[in-house]
Amino acid sequence: MCVVQAADSWIDELEDLTCQEKESKVELACKFSNPKARVSWYKNKLEVFQGLKYKPSAEDGVFRLFITNVAMEDAGKYTCQANNQETSCYLTVEGERPCAYTVVNSYAANGILFVVPKNAFV
Protein backbone atom coordinates (compact mmCIF):
# COMPACT_ATOMS: atom_id res chain seq x y z
CA MET A 1 0.00 0.00 0.00
CA CYS A 2 1.35 3.38 -1.01
CA VAL A 3 0.23 6.47 0.90
CA VAL A 4 0.54 9.78 -0.88
CA GLN A 5 0.49 12.82 1.34
CA ALA A 6 -1.10 15.91 -0.16
CA ALA A 7 1.15 18.94 -0.46
CA ASP A 8 0.59 21.75 1.99
CA SER A 9 -1.44 24.59 0.50
CA TRP A 10 -3.40 27.70 1.37
CA ILE A 11 -7.10 27.14 2.05
CA ASP A 12 -7.87 30.87 2.47
CA GLU A 13 -5.32 33.38 1.21
CA LEU A 14 -4.68 36.91 2.43
CA GLU A 15 -6.89 39.61 0.91
CA ASP A 16 -6.12 43.27 0.24
CA LEU A 17 -7.36 45.57 2.98
CA THR A 18 -7.98 49.30 3.29
CA CYS A 19 -8.18 50.98 6.67
CA GLN A 20 -8.02 54.42 8.22
CA GLU A 21 -4.99 55.97 9.84
CA LYS A 22 -5.15 55.79 13.67
CA GLU A 23 -7.39 52.69 13.75
CA SER A 24 -6.53 50.87 16.94
CA LYS A 25 -6.07 47.49 15.24
CA VAL A 26 -6.38 45.73 11.87
CA GLU A 27 -6.24 42.00 11.24
CA LEU A 28 -4.71 40.06 8.36
CA ALA A 29 -5.79 36.41 8.29
CA CYS A 30 -5.20 33.31 6.18
CA LYS A 31 -5.72 29.57 6.59
CA PHE A 32 -3.18 26.85 5.80
CA SER A 33 -3.79 23.13 5.32
CA ASN A 34 -1.18 22.21 7.93
CA PRO A 35 -2.11 23.83 11.27
CA LYS A 36 1.34 23.01 12.70
CA ALA A 37 3.25 24.76 9.92
CA ARG A 38 6.08 27.11 10.81
CA VAL A 39 4.88 30.59 9.85
CA SER A 40 6.73 33.83 9.24
CA TRP A 41 5.24 37.25 8.47
CA TYR A 42 6.84 39.89 6.23
CA LYS A 43 6.15 43.51 5.38
CA ASN A 44 7.70 44.63 2.09
CA LYS A 45 9.98 41.54 2.19
CA LEU A 46 11.30 42.30 5.70
CA GLU A 47 10.35 39.86 8.46
CA VAL A 48 8.18 41.28 11.23
CA PHE A 49 8.25 40.00 14.79
CA GLN A 50 5.92 40.13 17.76
CA GLY A 51 6.10 43.39 19.65
CA LEU A 52 4.09 46.54 20.33
CA LYS A 53 3.20 47.00 16.64
CA TYR A 54 2.72 43.41 15.42
CA LYS A 55 0.93 40.56 17.19
CA PRO A 56 0.90 37.27 15.25
CA SER A 57 -1.37 34.43 16.33
CA ALA A 58 -2.20 30.89 15.19
CA GLU A 59 -5.22 28.73 15.91
CA ASP A 60 -6.41 25.63 14.01
CA GLY A 61 -4.48 26.53 10.87
CA VAL A 62 -5.72 30.13 10.82
CA PHE A 63 -2.77 32.47 10.99
CA ARG A 64 -3.37 36.10 11.90
CA LEU A 65 -1.27 39.23 12.09
CA PHE A 66 -2.72 42.06 14.16
CA ILE A 67 -1.29 45.50 13.42
CA THR A 68 -1.92 47.97 16.23
CA ASN A 69 -2.17 51.77 16.23
CA VAL A 70 -2.30 51.97 12.44
CA ALA A 71 -0.15 54.69 10.88
CA MET A 72 0.52 55.71 7.27
CA GLU A 73 3.87 53.87 7.33
CA ASP A 74 2.04 50.57 7.97
CA ALA A 75 0.84 50.55 4.37
CA GLY A 76 2.58 48.01 2.15
CA LYS A 77 2.72 44.42 0.99
CA TYR A 78 2.29 41.81 3.73
CA THR A 79 3.22 38.17 3.20
CA CYS A 80 2.57 35.10 5.29
CA GLN A 81 4.96 32.23 4.61
CA ALA A 82 4.19 28.70 5.81
CA ASN A 83 6.37 25.73 4.86
CA ASN A 84 7.80 27.68 1.91
CA GLN A 85 4.31 28.54 0.59
CA GLU A 86 3.40 32.23 0.44
CA THR A 87 0.26 34.32 0.33
CA SER A 88 0.35 38.13 0.12
CA CYS A 89 -1.89 41.16 0.30
CA TYR A 90 -1.63 44.93 0.25
CA LEU A 91 -2.63 47.07 3.20
CA THR A 92 -3.71 50.56 2.18
CA VAL A 93 -3.89 53.19 4.90
CA GLU A 94 -5.98 56.26 4.20
CA GLY A 95 -5.07 59.49 5.96
CA GLU A 96 -7.36 61.43 8.19
CA ARG A 97 -9.83 63.64 6.46
CA PRO A 98 -8.89 67.33 6.44
CA CYS A 99 -10.48 69.55 9.06
CA ALA A 100 -13.73 71.23 8.07
CA TYR A 101 -13.91 74.99 8.42
CA THR A 102 -16.89 77.23 8.95
CA VAL A 103 -16.20 80.32 6.88
CA VAL A 104 -17.26 83.55 8.57
CA ASN A 105 -15.30 85.92 6.37
CA SER A 106 -13.57 85.87 3.01
CA TYR A 107 -12.08 88.57 0.85
CA ALA A 108 -10.13 88.90 -2.36
CA ALA A 109 -6.96 90.90 -2.89
CA ASN A 110 -4.95 90.97 -6.12
CA GLY A 111 -6.98 88.03 -7.48
CA ILE A 112 -6.31 85.79 -4.45
CA LEU A 113 -9.23 84.60 -2.35
CA PHE A 114 -8.51 84.54 1.37
CA VAL A 115 -10.71 82.34 3.57
CA VAL A 116 -10.76 83.02 7.28
CA PRO A 117 -11.87 80.06 9.42
CA LYS A 118 -14.35 80.63 12.22
CA ASN A 119 -11.80 80.29 15.06
CA ALA A 120 -8.78 81.85 13.35
CA PHE A 121 -8.51 84.84 15.71
CA VAL A 122 -9.50 83.56 19.13
C-alpha atoms as a PDB file:
ATOM      1  CA  MET A   1       0.000   0.000   0.000  1.00  0.00           C
ATOM      2  CA  CYS A   2       1.353   3.377  -1.012  1.00  0.00           C
ATOM      3  CA  VAL A   3       0.225   6.465   0.903  1.00  0.00           C
ATOM      4  CA  VAL A   4       0.538   9.778  -0.884  1.00  0.00           C
ATOM      5  CA  GLN A   5       0.487  12.819   1.339  1.00  0.00           C
ATOM      6  CA  ALA A   6      -1.104  15.915  -0.162  1.00  0.00           C
ATOM      7  CA  ALA A   7       1.147  18.937  -0.456  1.00  0.00           C
ATOM      8  CA  ASP A   8       0.590  21.749   1.994  1.00  0.00           C
ATOM      9  CA  SER A   9      -1.437  24.591   0.503  1.00  0.00           C
ATOM     10  CA  TRP A  10      -3.397  27.703   1.374  1.00  0.00           C
ATOM     11  CA  ILE A  11      -7.097  27.136   2.046  1.00  0.00           C
ATOM     12  CA  ASP A  12      -7.869  30.867   2.468  1.00  0.00           C
ATOM     13  CA  GLU A  13      -5.324  33.381   1.210  1.00  0.00           C
ATOM     14  CA  LEU A  14      -4.678  36.912   2.427  1.00  0.00           C
ATOM     15  CA  GLU A  15      -6.892  39.610   0.911  1.00  0.00           C
ATOM     16  CA  ASP A  16      -6.118  43.274   0.236  1.00  0.00           C
ATOM     17  CA  LEU A  17      -7.361  45.572   2.981  1.00  0.00           C
ATOM     18  CA  THR A  18      -7.985  49.299   3.286  1.00  0.00           C
ATOM     19  CA  CYS A  19      -8.181  50.981   6.675  1.00  0.00           C
ATOM     20  CA  GLN A  20      -8.020  54.422   8.217  1.00  0.00           C
ATOM     21  CA  GLU A  21      -4.992  55.965   9.840  1.00  0.00           C
ATOM     22  CA  LYS A  22      -5.155  55.789  13.666  1.00  0.00           C
ATOM     23  CA  GLU A  23      -7.388  52.692  13.746  1.00  0.00           C
ATOM     24  CA  SER A  24      -6.533  50.866  16.944  1.00  0.00           C
ATOM     25  CA  LYS A  25      -6.075  47.489  15.235  1.00  0.00           C
ATOM     26  CA  VAL A  26      -6.378  45.731  11.866  1.00  0.00           C
ATOM     27  CA  GLU A  27      -6.244  41.997  11.239  1.00  0.00           C
ATOM     28  CA  LEU A  28      -4.708  40.058   8.358  1.00  0.00           C
ATOM     29  CA  ALA A  29      -5.793  36.407   8.289  1.00  0.00           C
ATOM     30  CA  CYS A  30      -5.196  33.305   6.175  1.00  0.00           C
ATOM     31  CA  LYS A  31      -5.722  29.566   6.585  1.00  0.00           C
ATOM     32  CA  PHE A  32      -3.182  26.852   5.796  1.00  0.00           C
ATOM     33  CA  SER A  33      -3.794  23.126   5.319  1.00  0.00           C
ATOM     34  CA  ASN A  34      -1.177  22.209   7.929  1.00  0.00           C
ATOM     35  CA  PRO A  35      -2.106  23.830  11.269  1.00  0.00           C
ATOM     36  CA  LYS A  36       1.338  23.008  12.703  1.00  0.00           C
ATOM     37  CA  ALA A  37       3.245  24.762   9.925  1.00  0.00           C
ATOM     38  CA  ARG A  38       6.079  27.105  10.806  1.00  0.00           C
ATOM     39  CA  VAL A  39       4.882  30.587   9.854  1.00  0.00           C
ATOM     40  CA  SER A  40       6.730  33.834   9.242  1.00  0.00           C
ATOM     41  CA  TRP A  41       5.243  37.251   8.469  1.00  0.00           C
ATOM     42  CA  TYR A  42       6.835  39.886   6.226  1.00  0.00           C
ATOM     43  CA  LYS A  43       6.148  43.508   5.376  1.00  0.00           C
ATOM     44  CA  ASN A  44       7.704  44.628   2.092  1.00  0.00           C
ATOM     45  CA  LYS A  45       9.984  41.538   2.191  1.00  0.00           C
ATOM     46  CA  LEU A  46      11.301  42.302   5.701  1.00  0.00           C
ATOM     47  CA  GLU A  47      10.355  39.856   8.460  1.00  0.00           C
ATOM     48  CA  VAL A  48       8.183  41.279  11.231  1.00  0.00           C
ATOM     49  CA  PHE A  49       8.255  40.000  14.791  1.00  0.00           C
ATOM     50  CA  GLN A  50       5.918  40.134  17.761  1.00  0.00           C
ATOM     51  CA  GLY A  51       6.097  43.395  19.655  1.00  0.00           C
ATOM     52  CA  LEU A  52       4.092  46.541  20.328  1.00  0.00           C
ATOM     53  CA  LYS A  53       3.195  47.001  16.644  1.00  0.00           C
ATOM     54  CA  TYR A  54       2.720  43.412  15.421  1.00  0.00           C
ATOM     55  CA  LYS A  55       0.935  40.562  17.187  1.00  0.00           C
ATOM     56  CA  PRO A  56       0.897  37.270  15.251  1.00  0.00           C
ATOM     57  CA  SER A  57      -1.370  34.428  16.332  1.00  0.00           C
ATOM     58  CA  ALA A  58      -2.199  30.890  15.188  1.00  0.00           C
ATOM     59  CA  GLU A  59      -5.224  28.733  15.914  1.00  0.00           C
ATOM     60  CA  ASP A  60      -6.409  25.628  14.006  1.00  0.00           C
ATOM     61  CA  GLY A  61      -4.480  26.533  10.874  1.00  0.00           C
ATOM     62  CA  VAL A  62      -5.724  30.133  10.816  1.00  0.00           C
ATOM     63  CA  PHE A  63      -2.766  32.474  10.986  1.00  0.00           C
ATOM     64  CA  ARG A  64      -3.371  36.101  11.899  1.00  0.00           C
ATOM     65  CA  LEU A  65      -1.272  39.226  12.086  1.00  0.00           C
ATOM     66  CA  PHE A  66      -2.717  42.060  14.163  1.00  0.00           C
ATOM     67  CA  ILE A  67      -1.292  45.499  13.425  1.00  0.00           C
ATOM     68  CA  THR A  68      -1.917  47.969  16.235  1.00  0.00           C
ATOM     69  CA  ASN A  69      -2.173  51.766  16.232  1.00  0.00           C
ATOM     70  CA  VAL A  70      -2.297  51.971  12.442  1.00  0.00           C
ATOM     71  CA  ALA A  71      -0.155  54.691  10.880  1.00  0.00           C
ATOM     72  CA  MET A  72       0.521  55.710   7.269  1.00  0.00           C
ATOM     73  CA  GLU A  73       3.865  53.865   7.330  1.00  0.00           C
ATOM     74  CA  ASP A  74       2.042  50.567   7.973  1.00  0.00           C
ATOM     75  CA  ALA A  75       0.838  50.550   4.366  1.00  0.00           C
ATOM     76  CA  GLY A  76       2.576  48.010   2.150  1.00  0.00           C
ATOM     77  CA  LYS A  77       2.724  44.416   0.992  1.00  0.00           C
ATOM     78  CA  TYR A  78       2.288  41.813   3.729  1.00  0.00           C
ATOM     79  CA  THR A  79       3.224  38.174   3.197  1.00  0.00           C
ATOM     80  CA  CYS A  80       2.569  35.102   5.287  1.00  0.00           C
ATOM     81  CA  GLN A  81       4.963  32.226   4.611  1.00  0.00           C
ATOM     82  CA  ALA A  82       4.194  28.698   5.812  1.00  0.00           C
ATOM     83  CA  ASN A  83       6.369  25.726   4.862  1.00  0.00           C
ATOM     84  CA  ASN A  84       7.801  27.680   1.905  1.00  0.00           C
ATOM     85  CA  GLN A  85       4.313  28.539   0.586  1.00  0.00           C
ATOM     86  CA  GLU A  86       3.398  32.231   0.440  1.00  0.00           C
ATOM     87  CA  THR A  87       0.256  34.320   0.327  1.00  0.00           C
ATOM     88  CA  SER A  88       0.351  38.129   0.124  1.00  0.00           C
ATOM     89  CA  CYS A  89      -1.894  41.163   0.299  1.00  0.00           C
ATOM     90  CA  TYR A  90      -1.632  44.930   0.249  1.00  0.00           C
ATOM     91  CA  LEU A  91      -2.626  47.071   3.200  1.00  0.00           C
ATOM     92  CA  THR A  92      -3.714  50.558   2.176  1.00  0.00           C
ATOM     93  CA  VAL A  93      -3.891  53.186   4.898  1.00  0.00           C
ATOM     94  CA  GLU A  94      -5.982  56.256   4.201  1.00  0.00           C
ATOM     95  CA  GLY A  95      -5.068  59.489   5.961  1.00  0.00           C
ATOM     96  CA  GLU A  96      -7.357  61.426   8.189  1.00  0.00           C
ATOM     97  CA  ARG A  97      -9.832  63.643   6.463  1.00  0.00           C
ATOM     98  CA  PRO A  98      -8.894  67.329   6.440  1.00  0.00           C
ATOM     99  CA  CYS A  99     -10.475  69.554   9.058  1.00  0.00           C
ATOM    100  CA  ALA A 100     -13.729  71.232   8.072  1.00  0.00           C
ATOM    101  CA  TYR A 101     -13.907  74.991   8.415  1.00  0.00           C
ATOM    102  CA  THR A 102     -16.889  77.226   8.946  1.00  0.00           C
ATOM    103  CA  VAL A 103     -16.204  80.321   6.882  1.00  0.00           C
ATOM    104  CA  VAL A 104     -17.260  83.552   8.567  1.00  0.00           C
ATOM    105  CA  ASN A 105     -15.296  85.921   6.370  1.00  0.00           C
ATOM    106  CA  SER A 106     -13.574  85.871   3.006  1.00  0.00           C
ATOM    107  CA  TYR A 107     -12.085  88.574   0.846  1.00  0.00           C
ATOM    108  CA  ALA A 108     -10.129  88.899  -2.362  1.00  0.00           C
ATOM    109  CA  ALA A 109      -6.957  90.901  -2.893  1.00  0.00           C
ATOM    110  CA  ASN A 110      -4.954  90.969  -6.120  1.00  0.00           C
ATOM    111  CA  GLY A 111      -6.982  88.031  -7.477  1.00  0.00           C
ATOM    112  CA  ILE A 112      -6.306  85.795  -4.448  1.00  0.00           C
ATOM    113  CA  LEU A 113      -9.230  84.600  -2.355  1.00  0.00           C
ATOM    114  CA  PHE A 114      -8.513  84.536   1.366  1.00  0.00           C
ATOM    115  CA  VAL A 115     -10.712  82.337   3.573  1.00  0.00           C
ATOM    116  CA  VAL A 116     -10.757  83.019   7.283  1.00  0.00           C
ATOM    117  CA  PRO A 117     -11.866  80.058   9.422  1.00  0.00           C
ATOM    118  CA  LYS A 118     -14.347  80.627  12.224  1.00  0.00           C
ATOM    119  CA  ASN A 119     -11.800  80.289  15.060  1.00  0.00           C
ATOM    120  CA  ALA A 120      -8.784  81.852  13.351  1.00  0.00           C
ATOM    121  CA  PHE A 121      -8.512  84.842  15.707  1.00  0.00           C
ATOM    122  CA  VAL A 122      -9.499  83.563  19.133  1.00  0.00           C
END
